[in-house]
Amino acid sequence: MFEEPVSNQKNVDLHIHTIYSDGVCTVKEVMDTAFAKGLKAISITDHDCTDAYPLATELGAELGIEVISGVELSSEIEGTDIHILGYFVDPNNPAFSRKLMEMKEARYIRAQKMVENLNKQGIDLRFETVLSIAGVGAIGRPHIAAAMLKEELVYSFREAFDRYIGYGLPAYVEKLKMHPKEVFDLIKGAGGVPVLAHPGVTQVDQRIPEFVRDGLQGIEVYHTEHPSTAERHYIRIAKKHNLAVTGGSDFHSSNHNKSEIGYPSVPYSTVQSLKSRLGISIKEV
């Protein structure tokens, strides 16, 4: 049964990135900010990675913040990127952890090939520079762009994408592809709830009934790039398909889509909505 979020609760942020993927903040910095904002619960949803979860859980216990295991996985259907959030996943599930390792290795190889392609075009970028910027994170195109900017090979982060590493450009390399259903199954197999991320950005409304049939259980209604009209629209879709409602900032850094931890306001009922899908008893934390 769909539950309309209520406003008289403490808020949560269920979409945050750290240095373990393409965010700029450490886990501690994220947790300290969440505490300062008075958030009741958070989920760190790094790309293809759950490495932040153990420390986040430890810090959450100290700060009185509920930490929900999370991840953001990429899928593709007919050339369209579909991002899917997984909540309450077991990071130690064998099939799940094996797949994440496969994706991590694929990311490394892809980044290596993109740097090689740049070199062939006369762009003198060393892969070691990209690795140093990525640090512990799941390496990706943002790290390549940042390395190019650091080495003054481009004038801006955007130029790196627009001229070199954007889709279909000379240095671009295809990434590991999964169908959305494969991602839904992977998340559910690890005990989690699959949620469609920022649907207002990806514009895949027409596919939502298909996704629901394939195992989708939730939809991200509240997001930095969703105006109030989009929120109302996706609440109606959630009601129609009996989907859990979630939301979060999609925070990477203050310069990324002007996102900020704790904004937009997301009520704790979203966590309850997820828990109800798993039969978890709902209690105050």
C-alpha atoms as a PDB file:
ATOM      1  CA  MET A   1       0.000   0.000   0.000  1.00  0.00           C
ATOM      2  CA  PHE A   2       1.366   3.409  -0.971  1.00  0.00           C
ATOM      3  CA  GLU A   3       1.867   5.839   1.896  1.00  0.00           C
ATOM      4  CA  GLU A   4       1.925   9.582   1.254  1.00  0.00           C
ATOM      5  CA  PRO A   5       5.023  11.068   2.915  1.00  0.00           C
ATOM      6  CA  VAL A   6       4.210  13.311   5.860  1.00  0.00           C
ATOM      7  CA  SER A   7       6.054  16.480   6.727  1.00  0.00           C
ATOM      8  CA  ASN A   8       6.253  16.330  10.536  1.00  0.00           C
ATOM      9  CA  GLN A   9       9.187  13.940  10.646  1.00  0.00           C
ATOM     10  CA  LYS A  10      12.930  14.225  10.706  1.00  0.00           C
ATOM     11  CA  ASN A  11      14.463  14.077   7.267  1.00  0.00           C
ATOM     12  CA  VAL A  12      16.744  11.623   5.509  1.00  0.00           C
ATOM     13  CA  ASP A  13      19.068  11.612   2.503  1.00  0.00           C
ATOM     14  CA  LEU A  14      19.131   8.340   0.598  1.00  0.00           C
ATOM     15  CA  HIS A  15      21.395   9.294  -2.318  1.00  0.00           C
ATOM     16  CA  ILE A  16      24.934  10.361  -1.401  1.00  0.00           C
ATOM     17  CA  HIS A  17      28.301   9.748  -3.070  1.00  0.00           C
ATOM     18  CA  THR A  18      31.747   9.706  -1.441  1.00  0.00           C
ATOM     19  CA  ILE A  19      35.374   9.388  -2.513  1.00  0.00           C
ATOM     20  CA  TYR A  20      34.693   5.671  -2.966  1.00  0.00           C
ATOM     21  CA  SER A  21      33.112   6.564  -6.323  1.00  0.00           C
ATOM     22  CA  ASP A  22      32.957  10.031  -7.881  1.00  0.00           C
ATOM     23  CA  GLY A  23      32.214  12.131  -4.808  1.00  0.00           C
ATOM     24  CA  VAL A  24      34.706  14.476  -3.153  1.00  0.00           C
ATOM     25  CA  CYS A  25      33.875  13.930   0.531  1.00  0.00           C
ATOM     26  CA  THR A  26      35.149  11.228   2.843  1.00  0.00           C
ATOM     27  CA  VAL A  27      32.699   9.029   4.716  1.00  0.00           C
ATOM     28  CA  LYS A  28      33.425  10.939   7.914  1.00  0.00           C
ATOM     29  CA  GLU A  29      32.762  14.274   6.229  1.00  0.00           C
ATOM     30  CA  VAL A  30      29.436  12.972   4.935  1.00  0.00           C
ATOM     31  CA  MET A  31      28.422  11.644   8.347  1.00  0.00           C
ATOM     32  CA  ASP A  32      29.460  14.838  10.140  1.00  0.00           C
ATOM     33  CA  THR A  33      27.414  16.897   7.675  1.00  0.00           C
ATOM     34  CA  ALA A  34      24.414  14.595   8.078  1.00  0.00           C
ATOM     35  CA  PHE A  35      24.666  15.024  11.854  1.00  0.00           C
ATOM     36  CA  ALA A  36      24.952  18.804  11.545  1.00  0.00           C
ATOM     37  CA  LYS A  37      21.849  18.821   9.323  1.00  0.00           C
ATOM     38  CA  GLY A  38      19.926  16.759  11.880  1.00  0.00           C
ATOM     39  CA  LEU A  39      19.258  13.892   9.485  1.00  0.00           C
ATOM     40  CA  LYS A  40      17.684  10.791  10.964  1.00  0.00           C
ATOM     41  CA  ALA A  41      18.933   8.350   8.311  1.00  0.00           C
ATOM     42  CA  ILE A  42      21.238   8.311   5.312  1.00  0.00           C
ATOM     43  CA  SER A  43      22.334   5.944   2.585  1.00  0.00           C
ATOM     44  CA  ILE A  44      25.654   6.198   0.792  1.00  0.00           C
ATOM     45  CA  THR A  45      24.999   5.036  -2.754  1.00  0.00           C
ATOM     46  CA  ASP A  46      28.363   5.018  -4.447  1.00  0.00           C
ATOM     47  CA  HIS A  47      28.573   3.804  -8.036  1.00  0.00           C
ATOM     48  CA  ASP A  48      29.173   0.047  -8.233  1.00  0.00           C
ATOM     49  CA  CYS A  49      30.633   0.060  -4.719  1.00  0.00           C
ATOM     50  CA  THR A  50      29.595  -0.517  -1.081  1.00  0.00           C
ATOM     51  CA  ASP A  51      33.016   0.112   0.479  1.00  0.00           C
ATOM     52  CA  ALA A  52      31.780   3.128   2.465  1.00  0.00           C
ATOM     53  CA  TYR A  53      29.180   1.110   4.382  1.00  0.00           C
ATOM     54  CA  PRO A  54      31.268  -0.362   7.262  1.00  0.00           C
ATOM     55  CA  LEU A  55      32.701   2.986   8.392  1.00  0.00           C
ATOM     56  CA  ALA A  56      29.396   4.786   7.803  1.00  0.00           C
ATOM     57  CA  THR A  57      27.643   2.245  10.025  1.00  0.00           C
ATOM     58  CA  GLU A  58      30.253   2.658  12.749  1.00  0.00           C
ATOM     59  CA  LEU A  59      30.021   6.447  12.672  1.00  0.00           C
ATOM     60  CA  GLY A  60      26.244   6.309  12.431  1.00  0.00           C
ATOM     61  CA  ALA A  61      26.071   4.346  15.676  1.00  0.00           C
ATOM     62  CA  GLU A  62      28.164   7.030  17.386  1.00  0.00           C
ATOM     63  CA  LEU A  63      26.136   9.912  15.965  1.00  0.00           C
ATOM     64  CA  GLY A  64      22.676   8.378  16.268  1.00  0.00           C
ATOM     65  CA  ILE A  65      22.087   8.241  12.517  1.00  0.00           C
ATOM     66  CA  GLU A  66      20.520   5.195  10.887  1.00  0.00           C
ATOM     67  CA  VAL A  67      22.706   4.027   8.008  1.00  0.00           C
ATOM     68  CA  ILE A  68      21.086   2.007   5.224  1.00  0.00           C
ATOM     69  CA  SER A  69      23.316  -0.004   2.929  1.00  0.00           C
ATOM     70  CA  GLY A  70      23.071   1.312  -0.600  1.00  0.00           C
ATOM     71  CA  VAL A  71      24.559   1.285  -4.069  1.00  0.00           C
ATOM     72  CA  GLU A  72      23.925   2.914  -7.447  1.00  0.00           C
ATOM     73  CA  LEU A  73      24.269   0.610 -10.441  1.00  0.00           C
ATOM     74  CA  SER A  74      24.176   1.459 -14.122  1.00  0.00           C
ATOM     75  CA  SER A  75      22.151  -0.343 -16.744  1.00  0.00           C
ATOM     76  CA  GLU A  76      21.292   0.333 -20.347  1.00  0.00           C
ATOM     77  CA  ILE A  77      18.345  -0.298 -22.596  1.00  0.00           C
ATOM     78  CA  GLU A  78      18.305   0.686 -26.273  1.00  0.00           C
ATOM     79  CA  GLY A  79      21.125   3.177 -25.788  1.00  0.00           C
ATOM     80  CA  THR A  80      19.607   4.881 -22.742  1.00  0.00           C
ATOM     81  CA  ASP A  81      21.472   4.850 -19.420  1.00  0.00           C
ATOM     82  CA  ILE A  82      19.241   3.776 -16.544  1.00  0.00           C
ATOM     83  CA  HIS A  83      20.597   4.246 -13.023  1.00  0.00           C
ATOM     84  CA  ILE A  84      19.188   1.974 -10.350  1.00  0.00           C
ATOM     85  CA  LEU A  85      19.585   2.388  -6.611  1.00  0.00           C
ATOM     86  CA  GLY A  86      19.713  -0.638  -4.342  1.00  0.00           C
ATOM     87  CA  TYR A  87      18.785  -0.301  -0.666  1.00  0.00           C
ATOM     88  CA  PHE A  88      19.284  -2.756   2.206  1.00  0.00           C
ATOM     89  CA  VAL A  89      21.591  -4.870   0.044  1.00  0.00           C
ATOM     90  CA  ASP A  90      23.893  -7.332   1.799  1.00  0.00           C
ATOM     91  CA  PRO A  91      27.402  -6.218   0.740  1.00  0.00           C
ATOM     92  CA  ASN A  92      28.726  -9.685   1.577  1.00  0.00           C
ATOM     93  CA  ASN A  93      26.291 -11.571  -0.631  1.00  0.00           C
ATOM     94  CA  PRO A  94      28.600 -13.741  -2.803  1.00  0.00           C
ATOM     95  CA  ALA A  95      26.918 -13.152  -6.177  1.00  0.00           C
ATOM     96  CA  PHE A  96      26.519  -9.444  -5.461  1.00  0.00           C
ATOM     97  CA  SER A  97      30.113  -8.914  -4.319  1.00  0.00           C
ATOM     98  CA  ARG A  98      31.450 -10.899  -7.287  1.00  0.00           C
ATOM     99  CA  LYS A  99      29.509  -8.711  -9.706  1.00  0.00           C
ATOM    100  CA  LEU A 100      30.751  -5.523  -8.057  1.00  0.00           C
ATOM    101  CA  MET A 101      34.316  -6.790  -8.355  1.00  0.00           C
ATOM    102  CA  GLU A 102      33.726  -7.559 -12.039  1.00  0.00           C
ATOM    103  CA  MET A 103      32.390  -4.039 -12.540  1.00  0.00           C
ATOM    104  CA  LYS A 104      35.344  -2.517 -10.697  1.00  0.00           C
ATOM    105  CA  GLU A 105      37.781  -4.386 -12.945  1.00  0.00           C
ATOM    106  CA  ALA A 106      35.809  -3.353 -16.042  1.00  0.00           C
ATOM    107  CA  ARG A 107      35.946   0.287 -14.933  1.00  0.00           C
ATOM    108  CA  TYR A 108      39.735   0.077 -14.567  1.00  0.00           C
ATOM    109  CA  ILE A 109      40.230  -1.444 -18.020  1.00  0.00           C
ATOM    110  CA  ARG A 110      37.832   1.052 -19.598  1.00  0.00           C
ATOM    111  CA  ALA A 111      39.633   4.032 -18.059  1.00  0.00           C
ATOM    112  CA  GLN A 112      42.976   2.635 -19.179  1.00  0.00           C
ATOM    113  CA  LYS A 113      41.735   2.312 -22.769  1.00  0.00           C
ATOM    114  CA  MET A 114      40.325   5.843 -22.742  1.00  0.00           C
ATOM    115  CA  VAL A 115      43.674   7.242 -21.653  1.00  0.00           C
ATOM    116  CA  GLU A 116      45.335   5.222 -24.427  1.00  0.00           C
ATOM    117  CA  ASN A 117      42.870   6.725 -26.915  1.00  0.00           C
ATOM    118  CA  LEU A 118      43.684  10.207 -25.650  1.00  0.00           C
ATOM    119  CA  ASN A 119      47.394   9.503 -26.062  1.00  0.00           C
ATOM    120  CA  LYS A 120      46.778   8.433 -29.674  1.00  0.00           C
ATOM    121  CA  GLN A 121      45.209  11.852 -30.261  1.00  0.00           C
ATOM    122  CA  GLY A 122      48.288  13.604 -28.935  1.00  0.00           C
ATOM    123  CA  ILE A 123      46.875  14.264 -25.475  1.00  0.00           C
ATOM    124  CA  ASP A 124      49.770  13.621 -23.086  1.00  0.00           C
ATOM    125  CA  LEU A 125      47.894  12.211 -20.097  1.00  0.00           C
ATOM    126  CA  ARG A 126      49.401   9.536 -17.871  1.00  0.00           C
ATOM    127  CA  PHE A 127      47.137   6.834 -16.448  1.00  0.00           C
ATOM    128  CA  GLU A 128      48.964   7.177 -13.127  1.00  0.00           C
ATOM    129  CA  THR A 129      47.613  10.722 -12.850  1.00  0.00           C
ATOM    130  CA  VAL A 130      44.065   9.441 -13.259  1.00  0.00           C
ATOM    131  CA  LEU A 131      44.665   6.748 -10.645  1.00  0.00           C
ATOM    132  CA  SER A 132      46.016   9.275  -8.160  1.00  0.00           C
ATOM    133  CA  ILE A 133      42.886  11.398  -8.551  1.00  0.00           C
ATOM    134  CA  ALA A 134      40.546   8.415  -8.316  1.00  0.00           C
ATOM    135  CA  GLY A 135      42.236   7.272  -5.109  1.00  0.00           C
ATOM    136  CA  VAL A 136      40.099   4.598  -3.463  1.00  0.00           C
ATOM    137  CA  GLY A 137      37.167   5.407  -5.712  1.00  0.00           C
ATOM    138  CA  ALA A 138      35.600   3.327  -8.467  1.00  0.00           C
ATOM    139  CA  ILE A 139      37.436   4.892 -11.402  1.00  0.00           C
ATOM    140  CA  GLY A 140      35.380   6.607 -14.092  1.00  0.00           C
ATOM    141  CA  ARG A 141      35.239   9.388 -16.656  1.00  0.00           C
ATOM    142  CA  PRO A 142      34.987  12.176 -14.040  1.00  0.00           C
ATOM    143  CA  HIS A 143      38.431  11.178 -12.780  1.00  0.00           C
ATOM    144  CA  ILE A 144      39.839  11.300 -16.329  1.00  0.00           C
ATOM    145  CA  ALA A 145      38.318  14.750 -16.839  1.00  0.00           C
ATOM    146  CA  ALA A 146      39.738  15.927 -13.510  1.00  0.00           C
ATOM    147  CA  ALA A 147      43.180  14.612 -14.478  1.00  0.00           C
ATOM    148  CA  MET A 148      43.021  16.427 -17.827  1.00  0.00           C
ATOM    149  CA  LEU A 149      42.081  19.634 -16.040  1.00  0.00           C
ATOM    150  CA  LYS A 150      44.876  19.196 -13.497  1.00  0.00           C
ATOM    151  CA  GLU A 151      47.425  18.739 -16.298  1.00  0.00           C
ATOM    152  CA  GLU A 152      45.986  21.781 -18.129  1.00  0.00           C
ATOM    153  CA  LEU A 153      45.067  19.668 -21.145  1.00  0.00           C
ATOM    154  CA  VAL A 154      41.591  21.220 -21.163  1.00  0.00           C
ATOM    155  CA  TYR A 155      40.236  24.536 -19.935  1.00  0.00           C
ATOM    156  CA  SER A 156      37.322  23.006 -18.065  1.00  0.00           C
ATOM    157  CA  PHE A 157      35.852  19.764 -16.798  1.00  0.00           C
ATOM    158  CA  ARG A 158      33.041  20.172 -19.309  1.00  0.00           C
ATOM    159  CA  GLU A 159      35.467  20.528 -22.217  1.00  0.00           C
ATOM    160  CA  ALA A 160      36.954  17.114 -21.438  1.00  0.00           C
ATOM    161  CA  PHE A 161      33.535  15.538 -21.929  1.00  0.00           C
ATOM    162  CA  ASP A 162      32.435  17.702 -24.849  1.00  0.00           C
ATOM    163  CA  ARG A 163      35.614  17.246 -26.915  1.00  0.00           C
ATOM    164  CA  TYR A 164      37.144  13.957 -25.872  1.00  0.00           C
ATOM    165  CA  ILE A 165      35.451  11.493 -23.524  1.00  0.00           C
ATOM    166  CA  GLY A 166      31.752  12.096 -24.067  1.00  0.00           C
ATOM    167  CA  TYR A 167      29.592   9.419 -25.666  1.00  0.00           C
ATOM    168  CA  GLY A 168      30.608   8.734 -29.260  1.00  0.00           C
ATOM    169  CA  LEU A 169      33.720  10.929 -29.169  1.00  0.00           C
ATOM    170  CA  PRO A 170      37.186   9.688 -30.203  1.00  0.00           C
ATOM    171  CA  ALA A 171      38.432   8.699 -26.734  1.00  0.00           C
ATOM    172  CA  TYR A 172      35.147   7.213 -25.530  1.00  0.00           C
ATOM    173  CA  VAL A 173      35.040   3.515 -24.650  1.00  0.00           C
ATOM    174  CA  GLU A 174      31.815   1.591 -24.068  1.00  0.00           C
ATOM    175  CA  LYS A 175      31.208   0.504 -20.491  1.00  0.00           C
ATOM    176  CA  LEU A 176      30.099  -2.855 -19.145  1.00  0.00           C
ATOM    177  CA  LYS A 177      26.423  -3.147 -19.999  1.00  0.00           C
ATOM    178  CA  MET A 178      23.650  -4.710 -17.948  1.00  0.00           C
ATOM    179  CA  HIS A 179      19.944  -4.802 -18.703  1.00  0.00           C
ATOM    180  CA  PRO A 180      17.760  -3.201 -15.995  1.00  0.00           C
ATOM    181  CA  LYS A 181      16.196  -6.581 -15.176  1.00  0.00           C
ATOM    182  CA  GLU A 182      19.657  -7.999 -14.518  1.00  0.00           C
ATOM    183  CA  VAL A 183      20.271  -5.186 -12.040  1.00  0.00           C
ATOM    184  CA  PHE A 184      16.881  -5.661 -10.362  1.00  0.00           C
ATOM    185  CA  ASP A 185      17.626  -9.361  -9.944  1.00  0.00           C
ATOM    186  CA  LEU A 186      21.117  -8.664  -8.610  1.00  0.00           C
ATOM    187  CA  ILE A 187      19.831  -6.243  -5.965  1.00  0.00           C
ATOM    188  CA  LYS A 188      16.930  -8.455  -4.923  1.00  0.00           C
ATOM    189  CA  GLY A 189      19.249 -11.461  -4.811  1.00  0.00           C
ATOM    190  CA  ALA A 190      21.329  -9.548  -2.257  1.00  0.00           C
ATOM    191  CA  GLY A 191      18.238  -8.922  -0.136  1.00  0.00           C
ATOM    192  CA  GLY A 192      17.697  -5.369  -1.319  1.00  0.00           C
ATOM    193  CA  VAL A 193      15.052  -3.133  -2.860  1.00  0.00           C
ATOM    194  CA  PRO A 194      15.694  -1.859  -6.433  1.00  0.00           C
ATOM    195  CA  VAL A 195      14.696   1.772  -6.990  1.00  0.00           C
ATOM    196  CA  LEU A 196      14.692   3.780 -10.224  1.00  0.00           C
ATOM    197  CA  ALA A 197      17.038   6.756  -9.765  1.00  0.00           C
ATOM    198  CA  HIS A 198      16.158  10.318 -10.841  1.00  0.00           C
ATOM    199  CA  PRO A 199      13.523   9.363 -13.463  1.00  0.00           C
ATOM    200  CA  GLY A 200      12.950  13.022 -14.264  1.00  0.00           C
ATOM    201  CA  VAL A 201      16.524  13.211 -15.533  1.00  0.00           C
ATOM    202  CA  THR A 202      16.590  10.006 -17.571  1.00  0.00           C
ATOM    203  CA  GLN A 203      13.059  10.489 -18.979  1.00  0.00           C
ATOM    204  CA  VAL A 204      12.030   6.840 -19.126  1.00  0.00           C
ATOM    205  CA  ASP A 205       8.450   7.105 -17.860  1.00  0.00           C
ATOM    206  CA  GLN A 206       7.134   4.972 -20.702  1.00  0.00           C
ATOM    207  CA  ARG A 207       9.264   2.059 -19.512  1.00  0.00           C
ATOM    208  CA  ILE A 208       8.215   2.117 -15.864  1.00  0.00           C
ATOM    209  CA  PRO A 209       5.391  -0.466 -16.307  1.00  0.00           C
ATOM    210  CA  GLU A 210       7.928  -2.786 -17.963  1.00  0.00           C
ATOM    211  CA  PHE A 211      10.413  -2.187 -15.135  1.00  0.00           C
ATOM    212  CA  VAL A 212       7.744  -2.976 -12.546  1.00  0.00           C
ATOM    213  CA  ARG A 213       7.010  -6.283 -14.278  1.00  0.00           C
ATOM    214  CA  ASP A 214      10.747  -7.003 -14.262  1.00  0.00           C
ATOM    215  CA  GLY A 215      11.098  -6.412 -10.526  1.00  0.00           C
ATOM    216  CA  LEU A 216      11.380  -2.663  -9.855  1.00  0.00           C
ATOM    217  CA  GLN A 217      10.086  -1.891  -6.347  1.00  0.00           C
ATOM    218  CA  GLY A 218      10.664   1.818  -5.834  1.00  0.00           C
ATOM    219  CA  ILE A 219      11.112   5.195  -7.482  1.00  0.00           C
ATOM    220  CA  GLU A 220      13.211   8.210  -6.490  1.00  0.00           C
ATOM    221  CA  VAL A 221      10.641  10.982  -6.261  1.00  0.00           C
ATOM    222  CA  TYR A 222      12.666  13.605  -4.382  1.00  0.00           C
ATOM    223  CA  HIS A 223      15.872  14.666  -6.147  1.00  0.00           C
ATOM    224  CA  THR A 224      17.935  17.813  -6.598  1.00  0.00           C
ATOM    225  CA  GLU A 225      16.893  18.053 -10.254  1.00  0.00           C
ATOM    226  CA  HIS A 226      13.205  17.286  -9.707  1.00  0.00           C
ATOM    227  CA  PRO A 227      11.029  20.409  -9.429  1.00  0.00           C
ATOM    228  CA  SER A 228       7.819  20.174  -7.411  1.00  0.00           C
ATOM    229  CA  THR A 229       5.853  19.366 -10.563  1.00  0.00           C
ATOM    230  CA  ALA A 230       8.072  16.327 -11.150  1.00  0.00           C
ATOM    231  CA  GLU A 231       7.682  15.249  -7.515  1.00  0.00           C
ATOM    232  CA  ARG A 232       3.893  15.308  -7.826  1.00  0.00           C
ATOM    233  CA  HIS A 233       4.096  13.451 -11.136  1.00  0.00           C
ATOM    234  CA  TYR A 234       6.233  10.640  -9.718  1.00  0.00           C
ATOM    235  CA  ILE A 235       4.155  10.375  -6.567  1.00  0.00           C
ATOM    236  CA  ARG A 236       1.188   9.639  -8.841  1.00  0.00           C
ATOM    237  CA  ILE A 237       3.237   7.001 -10.689  1.00  0.00           C
ATOM    238  CA  ALA A 238       4.333   5.470  -7.382  1.00  0.00           C
ATOM    239  CA  LYS A 239       0.700   5.232  -6.282  1.00  0.00           C
ATOM    240  CA  LYS A 240      -0.353   3.693  -9.582  1.00  0.00           C
ATOM    241  CA  HIS A 241       2.299   0.972  -9.483  1.00  0.00           C
ATOM    242  CA  ASN A 242       2.528   0.531  -5.697  1.00  0.00           C
ATOM    243  CA  LEU A 243       6.181   1.578  -5.641  1.00  0.00           C
ATOM    244  CA  ALA A 244       8.175   2.656  -2.618  1.00  0.00           C
ATOM    245  CA  VAL A 245       8.942   6.383  -2.639  1.00  0.00           C
ATOM    246  CA  THR A 246      12.528   7.481  -1.960  1.00  0.00           C
ATOM    247  CA  GLY A 247      14.627  10.577  -2.363  1.00  0.00           C
ATOM    248  CA  GLY A 248      17.980  12.177  -1.830  1.00  0.00           C
ATOM    249  CA  SER A 249      20.382  14.890  -2.831  1.00  0.00           C
ATOM    250  CA  ASP A 250      22.545  12.846  -5.235  1.00  0.00           C
ATOM    251  CA  PHE A 251      25.372  14.705  -3.532  1.00  0.00           C
ATOM    252  CA  HIS A 252      28.835  14.477  -5.116  1.00  0.00           C
ATOM    253  CA  SER A 253      30.154  17.926  -4.257  1.00  0.00           C
ATOM    254  CA  SER A 254      28.721  21.386  -3.829  1.00  0.00           C
ATOM    255  CA  ASN A 255      29.672  22.085  -7.459  1.00  0.00           C
ATOM    256  CA  HIS A 256      27.757  19.078  -8.816  1.00  0.00           C
ATOM    257  CA  ASN A 257      24.230  20.075  -9.857  1.00  0.00           C
ATOM    258  CA  LYS A 258      24.271  22.499  -6.900  1.00  0.00           C
ATOM    259  CA  SER A 259      23.520  19.535  -4.669  1.00  0.00           C
ATOM    260  CA  GLU A 260      23.718  19.681  -0.897  1.00  0.00           C
ATOM    261  CA  ILE A 261      23.397  16.895   1.657  1.00  0.00           C
ATOM    262  CA  GLY A 262      19.915  17.011   3.148  1.00  0.00           C
ATOM    263  CA  TYR A 263      18.317  18.829   0.213  1.00  0.00           C
ATOM    264  CA  PRO A 264      15.651  18.369  -0.983  1.00  0.00           C
ATOM    265  CA  SER A 265      13.735  17.564   2.188  1.00  0.00           C
ATOM    266  CA  VAL A 266      12.981  13.853   2.256  1.00  0.00           C
ATOM    267  CA  PRO A 267      10.805  12.489   5.090  1.00  0.00           C
ATOM    268  CA  TYR A 268      11.619   9.390   7.133  1.00  0.00           C
ATOM    269  CA  SER A 269       8.487   7.740   5.754  1.00  0.00           C
ATOM    270  CA  THR A 270      10.562   6.949   2.659  1.00  0.00           C
ATOM    271  CA  VAL A 271      12.707   4.615   4.775  1.00  0.00           C
ATOM    272  CA  GLN A 272       9.555   3.061   6.186  1.00  0.00           C
ATOM    273  CA  SER A 273       8.275   2.597   2.645  1.00  0.00           C
ATOM    274  CA  LEU A 274      11.435   0.654   1.755  1.00  0.00           C
ATOM    275  CA  LYS A 275      11.302  -1.427   4.918  1.00  0.00           C
ATOM    276  CA  SER A 276       7.716  -2.403   4.223  1.00  0.00           C
ATOM    277  CA  ARG A 277       8.859  -3.990   0.959  1.00  0.00           C
ATOM    278  CA  LEU A 278      11.189  -6.251   2.933  1.00  0.00           C
ATOM    279  CA  GLY A 279       8.860  -7.003   5.818  1.00  0.00           C
ATOM    280  CA  ILE A 280      11.165  -5.192   8.248  1.00  0.00           C
ATOM    281  CA  SER A 281       9.356  -4.108  11.392  1.00  0.00           C
ATOM    282  CA  ILE A 282       9.097  -0.335  11.476  1.00  0.00           C
ATOM    283  CA  LYS A 283      10.210   1.326  14.680  1.00  0.00           C
ATOM    284  CA  GLU A 284      11.573   4.682  15.663  1.00  0.00           C
ATOM    285  CA  VAL A 285      15.351   4.937  15.598  1.00  0.00           C
END
